[in-house]
């Protein structure tokens, strides 16, 4: 059985997962049972959001844009997972809420070129968060 410790970076001072750890978490999510995928993918999105925030703070605009594209790709996988049974859905929804708040904060750091991409990613994650809430309240 695959189990992942929650990777909960909550601010720019917290330790970010290194690229190898992020890849491992993403691979775990892809191979996990449907009941565990939602929380694992949410952890991946959360950590990628923290990485994008750090990249923006460091002036790495192109890398941040690439990371935002990766977030969108993962959120599409999450959409499919929500159609299945999802264990720990409320925890995933809370983490997604935190992640969307971080993206809103990052809008202040983004250059004009990255703002539309950041806004699109934020809107996509809001849709996923709403879907999670619907699932939580329908159970």
C-alpha atoms as a PDB file:
ATOM      1  CA  UNK A   1       0.000   0.000   0.000  1.00  0.00           C
ATOM      2  CA  UNK A   2       1.353   3.407  -0.938  1.00  0.00           C
ATOM      3  CA  UNK A   3       1.319   6.023   1.759  1.00  0.00           C
ATOM      4  CA  UNK A   4       2.651   9.524   1.557  1.00  0.00           C
ATOM      5  CA  UNK A   5       3.315  11.893   4.391  1.00  0.00           C
ATOM      6  CA  UNK A   6       1.467  15.143   3.845  1.00  0.00           C
ATOM      7  CA  UNK A   7       3.858  17.611   2.283  1.00  0.00           C
ATOM      8  CA  UNK A   8       2.579  20.801   3.814  1.00  0.00           C
ATOM      9  CA  UNK A   9       4.696  23.815   2.999  1.00  0.00           C
ATOM     10  CA  UNK A  10       2.678  26.804   4.077  1.00  0.00           C
ATOM     11  CA  UNK A  11       4.892  29.738   3.339  1.00  0.00           C
ATOM     12  CA  UNK A  12       8.011  30.879   1.529  1.00  0.00           C
ATOM     13  CA  UNK A  13      10.173  30.132   4.586  1.00  0.00           C
ATOM     14  CA  UNK A  14       9.148  26.471   4.733  1.00  0.00           C
ATOM     15  CA  UNK A  15      11.274  23.838   3.055  1.00  0.00           C
ATOM     16  CA  UNK A  16      10.322  23.134  -0.498  1.00  0.00           C
ATOM     17  CA  UNK A  17      10.428  19.625  -1.856  1.00  0.00           C
ATOM     18  CA  UNK A  18      13.362  19.150  -4.178  1.00  0.00           C
ATOM     19  CA  UNK A  19      12.589  18.192  -7.794  1.00  0.00           C
ATOM     20  CA  UNK A  20      13.295  14.487  -7.138  1.00  0.00           C
ATOM     21  CA  UNK A  21      10.916  14.414  -4.152  1.00  0.00           C
ATOM     22  CA  UNK A  22       8.241  16.220  -6.167  1.00  0.00           C
ATOM     23  CA  UNK A  23       8.608  13.734  -9.003  1.00  0.00           C
ATOM     24  CA  UNK A  24       8.373  10.843  -6.543  1.00  0.00           C
ATOM     25  CA  UNK A  25       5.201  12.297  -5.004  1.00  0.00           C
ATOM     26  CA  UNK A  26       3.682  12.766  -8.459  1.00  0.00           C
ATOM     27  CA  UNK A  27       4.557   9.179  -9.398  1.00  0.00           C
ATOM     28  CA  UNK A  28       3.032   7.949  -6.130  1.00  0.00           C
ATOM     29  CA  UNK A  29      -0.156   9.813  -6.958  1.00  0.00           C
ATOM     30  CA  UNK A  30      -0.313   8.290 -10.437  1.00  0.00           C
ATOM     31  CA  UNK A  31       0.110   4.758  -9.046  1.00  0.00           C
ATOM     32  CA  UNK A  32      -2.048   5.159  -5.935  1.00  0.00           C
ATOM     33  CA  UNK A  33      -5.438   3.634  -5.427  1.00  0.00           C
ATOM     34  CA  UNK A  34      -8.247   5.938  -6.569  1.00  0.00           C
ATOM     35  CA  UNK A  35      -9.202   6.587  -2.935  1.00  0.00           C
ATOM     36  CA  UNK A  36      -5.768   8.112  -2.251  1.00  0.00           C
ATOM     37  CA  UNK A  37      -5.089   9.926  -5.510  1.00  0.00           C
ATOM     38  CA  UNK A  38      -7.026  13.089  -4.711  1.00  0.00           C
ATOM     39  CA  UNK A  39      -5.009  13.988  -1.614  1.00  0.00           C
ATOM     40  CA  UNK A  40      -1.710  13.036  -3.261  1.00  0.00           C
ATOM     41  CA  UNK A  41      -2.369  15.119  -6.374  1.00  0.00           C
ATOM     42  CA  UNK A  42      -3.461  18.004  -4.145  1.00  0.00           C
ATOM     43  CA  UNK A  43      -0.145  17.743  -2.304  1.00  0.00           C
ATOM     44  CA  UNK A  44       1.681  17.829  -5.646  1.00  0.00           C
ATOM     45  CA  UNK A  45      -0.246  20.943  -6.732  1.00  0.00           C
ATOM     46  CA  UNK A  46       0.376  22.597  -3.387  1.00  0.00           C
ATOM     47  CA  UNK A  47       4.117  21.941  -3.541  1.00  0.00           C
ATOM     48  CA  UNK A  48       4.331  23.061  -7.170  1.00  0.00           C
ATOM     49  CA  UNK A  49       2.548  26.274  -6.162  1.00  0.00           C
ATOM     50  CA  UNK A  50       5.170  26.871  -3.496  1.00  0.00           C
ATOM     51  CA  UNK A  51       7.907  26.236  -6.080  1.00  0.00           C
ATOM     52  CA  UNK A  52       6.277  28.701  -8.505  1.00  0.00           C
ATOM     53  CA  UNK A  53       6.058  31.281  -5.714  1.00  0.00           C
ATOM     54  CA  UNK A  54       9.758  30.877  -4.950  1.00  0.00           C
ATOM     55  CA  UNK A  55      10.581  31.134  -8.654  1.00  0.00           C
ATOM     56  CA  UNK A  56       8.611  34.373  -8.912  1.00  0.00           C
ATOM     57  CA  UNK A  57      10.312  35.760  -5.808  1.00  0.00           C
ATOM     58  CA  UNK A  58      13.687  34.920  -7.366  1.00  0.00           C
ATOM     59  CA  UNK A  59      12.758  36.578 -10.672  1.00  0.00           C
ATOM     60  CA  UNK A  60      12.680  33.281 -12.581  1.00  0.00           C
ATOM     61  CA  UNK A  61       9.664  34.212 -14.683  1.00  0.00           C
ATOM     62  CA  UNK A  62      10.084  31.545 -17.388  1.00  0.00           C
ATOM     63  CA  UNK A  63      10.548  28.748 -14.857  1.00  0.00           C
ATOM     64  CA  UNK A  64       7.470  29.965 -12.947  1.00  0.00           C
ATOM     65  CA  UNK A  65       5.420  29.913 -16.161  1.00  0.00           C
ATOM     66  CA  UNK A  66       6.541  26.348 -16.803  1.00  0.00           C
ATOM     67  CA  UNK A  67       5.653  25.332 -13.254  1.00  0.00           C
ATOM     68  CA  UNK A  68       2.201  26.902 -13.641  1.00  0.00           C
ATOM     69  CA  UNK A  69       1.659  24.818 -16.778  1.00  0.00           C
ATOM     70  CA  UNK A  70       2.595  21.729 -14.802  1.00  0.00           C
ATOM     71  CA  UNK A  71       0.073  22.705 -12.102  1.00  0.00           C
ATOM     72  CA  UNK A  72      -2.642  22.903 -14.728  1.00  0.00           C
ATOM     73  CA  UNK A  73      -1.721  19.474 -16.079  1.00  0.00           C
ATOM     74  CA  UNK A  74      -1.933  17.974 -12.592  1.00  0.00           C
ATOM     75  CA  UNK A  75      -5.250  19.701 -11.933  1.00  0.00           C
ATOM     76  CA  UNK A  76      -6.663  17.998 -15.024  1.00  0.00           C
ATOM     77  CA  UNK A  77      -5.630  14.650 -13.533  1.00  0.00           C
ATOM     78  CA  UNK A  78      -7.352  15.680 -10.306  1.00  0.00           C
ATOM     79  CA  UNK A  79     -10.548  16.302 -12.220  1.00  0.00           C
ATOM     80  CA  UNK A  80     -10.561  12.667 -13.305  1.00  0.00           C
ATOM     81  CA  UNK A  81      -9.816  11.490  -9.766  1.00  0.00           C
ATOM     82  CA  UNK A  82     -12.809  13.379  -8.382  1.00  0.00           C
ATOM     83  CA  UNK A  83     -15.039  11.239 -10.544  1.00  0.00           C
ATOM     84  CA  UNK A  84     -13.874   8.279  -8.467  1.00  0.00           C
ATOM     85  CA  UNK A  85     -14.137   7.620  -4.756  1.00  0.00           C
ATOM     86  CA  UNK A  86     -11.750   9.925  -2.921  1.00  0.00           C
ATOM     87  CA  UNK A  87     -10.425   9.199   0.553  1.00  0.00           C
ATOM     88  CA  UNK A  88      -9.411  12.231   2.613  1.00  0.00           C
ATOM     89  CA  UNK A  89     -11.395  14.532   0.358  1.00  0.00           C
ATOM     90  CA  UNK A  90     -11.926  17.173   3.039  1.00  0.00           C
ATOM     91  CA  UNK A  91      -8.174  17.325   3.721  1.00  0.00           C
ATOM     92  CA  UNK A  92      -7.548  17.707   0.005  1.00  0.00           C
ATOM     93  CA  UNK A  93     -10.109  20.504  -0.181  1.00  0.00           C
ATOM     94  CA  UNK A  94      -8.488  22.361   2.738  1.00  0.00           C
ATOM     95  CA  UNK A  95      -5.061  22.066   1.146  1.00  0.00           C
ATOM     96  CA  UNK A  96      -6.490  23.280  -2.167  1.00  0.00           C
ATOM     97  CA  UNK A  97      -8.001  26.277  -0.367  1.00  0.00           C
ATOM     98  CA  UNK A  98      -4.574  27.147   1.002  1.00  0.00           C
ATOM     99  CA  UNK A  99      -3.022  26.656  -2.430  1.00  0.00           C
ATOM    100  CA  UNK A 100      -5.484  29.006  -4.126  1.00  0.00           C
ATOM    101  CA  UNK A 101      -4.776  31.644  -1.461  1.00  0.00           C
ATOM    102  CA  UNK A 102      -1.045  31.312  -2.195  1.00  0.00           C
ATOM    103  CA  UNK A 103      -1.681  31.766  -5.909  1.00  0.00           C
ATOM    104  CA  UNK A 104      -3.662  34.931  -5.163  1.00  0.00           C
ATOM    105  CA  UNK A 105      -0.731  36.221  -3.105  1.00  0.00           C
ATOM    106  CA  UNK A 106       1.659  35.363  -5.928  1.00  0.00           C
ATOM    107  CA  UNK A 107      -0.300  37.593  -8.309  1.00  0.00           C
ATOM    108  CA  UNK A 108       1.374  40.549  -6.568  1.00  0.00           C
ATOM    109  CA  UNK A 109       4.850  39.194  -7.394  1.00  0.00           C
ATOM    110  CA  UNK A 110       4.165  38.227 -10.991  1.00  0.00           C
ATOM    111  CA  UNK A 111       5.201  40.333 -13.923  1.00  0.00           C
ATOM    112  CA  UNK A 112       2.653  41.415 -16.480  1.00  0.00           C
ATOM    113  CA  UNK A 113       3.657  38.519 -18.723  1.00  0.00           C
ATOM    114  CA  UNK A 114       2.905  35.870 -16.090  1.00  0.00           C
ATOM    115  CA  UNK A 115      -0.257  37.370 -14.636  1.00  0.00           C
ATOM    116  CA  UNK A 116      -2.636  35.912 -17.258  1.00  0.00           C
ATOM    117  CA  UNK A 117      -1.116  32.439 -16.803  1.00  0.00           C
ATOM    118  CA  UNK A 118      -1.318  32.749 -13.035  1.00  0.00           C
ATOM    119  CA  UNK A 119      -4.923  33.926 -13.260  1.00  0.00           C
ATOM    120  CA  UNK A 120      -5.835  31.011 -15.540  1.00  0.00           C
ATOM    121  CA  UNK A 121      -4.186  28.538 -13.152  1.00  0.00           C
ATOM    122  CA  UNK A 122      -5.974  30.103 -10.204  1.00  0.00           C
ATOM    123  CA  UNK A 123      -9.337  29.860 -11.966  1.00  0.00           C
ATOM    124  CA  UNK A 124      -8.671  26.216 -12.872  1.00  0.00           C
ATOM    125  CA  UNK A 125      -7.832  25.349  -9.263  1.00  0.00           C
ATOM    126  CA  UNK A 126     -10.920  27.191  -8.007  1.00  0.00           C
ATOM    127  CA  UNK A 127     -13.017  24.914 -10.227  1.00  0.00           C
ATOM    128  CA  UNK A 128     -11.295  21.869  -8.723  1.00  0.00           C
ATOM    129  CA  UNK A 129     -11.806  23.199  -5.212  1.00  0.00           C
ATOM    130  CA  UNK A 130     -15.517  23.763  -5.897  1.00  0.00           C
ATOM    131  CA  UNK A 131     -15.806  20.213  -7.234  1.00  0.00           C
ATOM    132  CA  UNK A 132     -14.125  18.917  -4.079  1.00  0.00           C
ATOM    133  CA  UNK A 133     -16.541  20.877  -1.901  1.00  0.00           C
ATOM    134  CA  UNK A 134     -19.480  19.477  -3.828  1.00  0.00           C
ATOM    135  CA  UNK A 135     -18.183  15.955  -3.244  1.00  0.00           C
ATOM    136  CA  UNK A 136     -17.586  16.619   0.461  1.00  0.00           C
ATOM    137  CA  UNK A 137     -21.144  17.857   0.966  1.00  0.00           C
ATOM    138  CA  UNK A 138     -22.726  15.157  -1.174  1.00  0.00           C
ATOM    139  CA  UNK A 139     -21.284  12.358   0.995  1.00  0.00           C
END
